[in-house]
């Protein structure tokens, strides 16, 4: 099993910034893609940003130019720097990691971090 622990959510005014962190622990073996998803009330969970083990990144169109994903493979960690936050960014943000073990891919989720953007 892999445990993902998130931190860094909170309440911020529009235009503000937050940084989310996620650290993986447990039977990690090899981590493939790591990323962040979010889910607003009444909506489906959606991909926000993802980083592959090779360093490639991709972002949702709605956050391009405002959010930056980074990862520290030595620490088994992934981060999401969120700038110029908007009320529509309000959601629970979930860390996601794919573990690779002997050709098998397993998907893991964090517990979620609430991000609220409001004046």
C-alpha atoms as a PDB file:
ATOM      1  CA  UNK A   1       0.000   0.000   0.000  1.00  0.00           C
ATOM      2  CA  UNK A   2       0.948   3.601  -0.576  1.00  0.00           C
ATOM      3  CA  UNK A   3      -0.201   6.432   1.649  1.00  0.00           C
ATOM      4  CA  UNK A   4      -0.467   9.974   0.312  1.00  0.00           C
ATOM      5  CA  UNK A   5      -0.569  12.811   2.824  1.00  0.00           C
ATOM      6  CA  UNK A   6      -1.559  16.259   1.603  1.00  0.00           C
ATOM      7  CA  UNK A   7      -1.094  19.639   3.212  1.00  0.00           C
ATOM      8  CA  UNK A   8      -1.394  23.306   2.356  1.00  0.00           C
ATOM      9  CA  UNK A   9      -5.074  23.892   1.670  1.00  0.00           C
ATOM     10  CA  UNK A  10      -7.026  26.755   3.158  1.00  0.00           C
ATOM     11  CA  UNK A  11      -8.962  29.951   2.595  1.00  0.00           C
ATOM     12  CA  UNK A  12      -7.526  32.632   0.334  1.00  0.00           C
ATOM     13  CA  UNK A  13      -8.836  35.773  -1.305  1.00  0.00           C
ATOM     14  CA  UNK A  14      -9.182  36.011  -5.078  1.00  0.00           C
ATOM     15  CA  UNK A  15      -5.813  36.755  -6.624  1.00  0.00           C
ATOM     16  CA  UNK A  16      -3.981  35.061  -3.789  1.00  0.00           C
ATOM     17  CA  UNK A  17      -1.690  32.045  -3.761  1.00  0.00           C
ATOM     18  CA  UNK A  18      -1.510  28.671  -2.072  1.00  0.00           C
ATOM     19  CA  UNK A  19       0.900  25.764  -2.288  1.00  0.00           C
ATOM     20  CA  UNK A  20      -0.245  22.193  -1.891  1.00  0.00           C
ATOM     21  CA  UNK A  21       2.147  19.433  -0.908  1.00  0.00           C
ATOM     22  CA  UNK A  22       1.762  15.667  -1.096  1.00  0.00           C
ATOM     23  CA  UNK A  23       4.199  13.104   0.255  1.00  0.00           C
ATOM     24  CA  UNK A  24       3.997   9.402  -0.496  1.00  0.00           C
ATOM     25  CA  UNK A  25       5.039   6.700   1.940  1.00  0.00           C
ATOM     26  CA  UNK A  26       4.665   2.964   2.380  1.00  0.00           C
ATOM     27  CA  UNK A  27       5.385   0.252  -0.181  1.00  0.00           C
ATOM     28  CA  UNK A  28       6.249   2.667  -2.948  1.00  0.00           C
ATOM     29  CA  UNK A  29       8.544   0.613  -5.232  1.00  0.00           C
ATOM     30  CA  UNK A  30       8.458   2.977  -8.220  1.00  0.00           C
ATOM     31  CA  UNK A  31       6.176   5.969  -8.610  1.00  0.00           C
ATOM     32  CA  UNK A  32       4.996   6.742 -12.096  1.00  0.00           C
ATOM     33  CA  UNK A  33       2.779   9.725 -12.750  1.00  0.00           C
ATOM     34  CA  UNK A  34       1.850  11.964  -9.839  1.00  0.00           C
ATOM     35  CA  UNK A  35      -0.700  14.685 -10.017  1.00  0.00           C
ATOM     36  CA  UNK A  36      -3.534  16.719  -8.608  1.00  0.00           C
ATOM     37  CA  UNK A  37      -7.242  16.430  -9.217  1.00  0.00           C
ATOM     38  CA  UNK A  38     -10.053  18.524  -7.813  1.00  0.00           C
ATOM     39  CA  UNK A  39     -13.736  18.110  -7.161  1.00  0.00           C
ATOM     40  CA  UNK A  40     -16.159  20.944  -6.576  1.00  0.00           C
ATOM     41  CA  UNK A  41     -19.579  20.334  -4.982  1.00  0.00           C
ATOM     42  CA  UNK A  42     -21.941  18.664  -7.426  1.00  0.00           C
ATOM     43  CA  UNK A  43     -19.242  18.209 -10.033  1.00  0.00           C
ATOM     44  CA  UNK A  44     -17.072  15.350 -11.221  1.00  0.00           C
ATOM     45  CA  UNK A  45     -13.466  15.019 -10.197  1.00  0.00           C
ATOM     46  CA  UNK A  46     -11.213  16.574 -12.803  1.00  0.00           C
ATOM     47  CA  UNK A  47      -7.514  16.560 -13.572  1.00  0.00           C
ATOM     48  CA  UNK A  48      -5.737  19.770 -12.607  1.00  0.00           C
ATOM     49  CA  UNK A  49      -2.104  18.940 -13.307  1.00  0.00           C
ATOM     50  CA  UNK A  50       0.051  15.885 -13.755  1.00  0.00           C
ATOM     51  CA  UNK A  51       3.781  15.136 -13.776  1.00  0.00           C
ATOM     52  CA  UNK A  52       5.218  11.963 -15.237  1.00  0.00           C
ATOM     53  CA  UNK A  53       8.228  10.213 -13.794  1.00  0.00           C
ATOM     54  CA  UNK A  54      10.218  11.558 -16.743  1.00  0.00           C
ATOM     55  CA  UNK A  55       9.342  15.145 -15.890  1.00  0.00           C
ATOM     56  CA  UNK A  56       6.676  15.878 -18.482  1.00  0.00           C
ATOM     57  CA  UNK A  57       3.749  17.916 -17.257  1.00  0.00           C
ATOM     58  CA  UNK A  58       0.254  18.667 -18.422  1.00  0.00           C
ATOM     59  CA  UNK A  59      -2.396  21.022 -17.101  1.00  0.00           C
ATOM     60  CA  UNK A  60      -6.091  21.648 -17.358  1.00  0.00           C
ATOM     61  CA  UNK A  61      -6.756  24.572 -19.671  1.00  0.00           C
ATOM     62  CA  UNK A  62      -8.423  26.490 -16.854  1.00  0.00           C
ATOM     63  CA  UNK A  63      -5.240  26.599 -14.753  1.00  0.00           C
ATOM     64  CA  UNK A  64      -2.551  27.017 -17.397  1.00  0.00           C
ATOM     65  CA  UNK A  65      -0.325  29.980 -16.633  1.00  0.00           C
ATOM     66  CA  UNK A  66      -1.531  30.144 -13.009  1.00  0.00           C
ATOM     67  CA  UNK A  67      -0.679  26.743 -11.497  1.00  0.00           C
ATOM     68  CA  UNK A  68       2.669  24.961 -11.524  1.00  0.00           C
ATOM     69  CA  UNK A  69       3.236  21.322 -10.639  1.00  0.00           C
ATOM     70  CA  UNK A  70       6.608  20.072  -9.467  1.00  0.00           C
ATOM     71  CA  UNK A  71       7.917  16.907  -7.892  1.00  0.00           C
ATOM     72  CA  UNK A  72      10.858  15.794  -5.816  1.00  0.00           C
ATOM     73  CA  UNK A  73      11.512  12.148  -6.608  1.00  0.00           C
ATOM     74  CA  UNK A  74      14.034  11.822  -3.780  1.00  0.00           C
ATOM     75  CA  UNK A  75      11.299  12.779  -1.305  1.00  0.00           C
ATOM     76  CA  UNK A  76       8.465  11.003  -3.147  1.00  0.00           C
ATOM     77  CA  UNK A  77       6.662  14.313  -3.142  1.00  0.00           C
ATOM     78  CA  UNK A  78       4.597  16.394  -5.524  1.00  0.00           C
ATOM     79  CA  UNK A  79       3.634  20.019  -5.164  1.00  0.00           C
ATOM     80  CA  UNK A  80       1.108  22.378  -6.697  1.00  0.00           C
ATOM     81  CA  UNK A  81       1.818  26.092  -6.646  1.00  0.00           C
ATOM     82  CA  UNK A  82      -1.420  27.959  -7.273  1.00  0.00           C
ATOM     83  CA  UNK A  83      -1.250  31.654  -8.130  1.00  0.00           C
ATOM     84  CA  UNK A  84      -3.900  34.195  -9.072  1.00  0.00           C
ATOM     85  CA  UNK A  85      -6.570  32.010  -7.550  1.00  0.00           C
ATOM     86  CA  UNK A  86     -10.161  32.508  -8.626  1.00  0.00           C
ATOM     87  CA  UNK A  87     -13.437  31.635  -6.875  1.00  0.00           C
ATOM     88  CA  UNK A  88     -13.990  28.902  -9.458  1.00  0.00           C
ATOM     89  CA  UNK A  89     -10.847  27.176  -8.181  1.00  0.00           C
ATOM     90  CA  UNK A  90     -12.703  26.387  -4.960  1.00  0.00           C
ATOM     91  CA  UNK A  91     -12.756  22.614  -4.551  1.00  0.00           C
ATOM     92  CA  UNK A  92     -11.308  19.677  -2.670  1.00  0.00           C
ATOM     93  CA  UNK A  93      -7.919  18.933  -4.177  1.00  0.00           C
ATOM     94  CA  UNK A  94      -6.742  15.324  -4.256  1.00  0.00           C
ATOM     95  CA  UNK A  95      -3.218  14.075  -4.728  1.00  0.00           C
ATOM     96  CA  UNK A  96      -2.880  11.072  -7.023  1.00  0.00           C
ATOM     97  CA  UNK A  97       0.019   8.699  -7.584  1.00  0.00           C
ATOM     98  CA  UNK A  98       0.526   5.661  -9.754  1.00  0.00           C
ATOM     99  CA  UNK A  99       2.715   2.949  -8.326  1.00  0.00           C
ATOM    100  CA  UNK A 100       4.560   0.662 -10.722  1.00  0.00           C
ATOM    101  CA  UNK A 101       5.472  -2.766  -9.420  1.00  0.00           C
ATOM    102  CA  UNK A 102       6.496  -5.634 -11.628  1.00  0.00           C
ATOM    103  CA  UNK A 103       4.508  -4.347 -14.584  1.00  0.00           C
ATOM    104  CA  UNK A 104       1.414  -3.707 -12.472  1.00  0.00           C
ATOM    105  CA  UNK A 105       0.048  -0.190 -12.125  1.00  0.00           C
ATOM    106  CA  UNK A 106      -1.851   0.784  -8.976  1.00  0.00           C
ATOM    107  CA  UNK A 107      -3.659   4.065  -8.396  1.00  0.00           C
ATOM    108  CA  UNK A 108      -3.606   5.815  -5.015  1.00  0.00           C
ATOM    109  CA  UNK A 109      -5.371   8.899  -3.665  1.00  0.00           C
ATOM    110  CA  UNK A 110      -4.790  11.306  -0.836  1.00  0.00           C
ATOM    111  CA  UNK A 111      -7.478  12.284   1.633  1.00  0.00           C
ATOM    112  CA  UNK A 112      -8.147  15.631  -0.011  1.00  0.00           C
ATOM    113  CA  UNK A 113      -7.339  19.235   0.874  1.00  0.00           C
ATOM    114  CA  UNK A 114      -9.995  21.933   0.852  1.00  0.00           C
ATOM    115  CA  UNK A 115      -9.148  25.065  -1.116  1.00  0.00           C
ATOM    116  CA  UNK A 116     -11.599  27.933  -0.781  1.00  0.00           C
ATOM    117  CA  UNK A 117     -11.190  31.141  -2.762  1.00  0.00           C
ATOM    118  CA  UNK A 118     -13.462  33.845  -1.440  1.00  0.00           C
ATOM    119  CA  UNK A 119     -13.433  37.481  -0.429  1.00  0.00           C
END
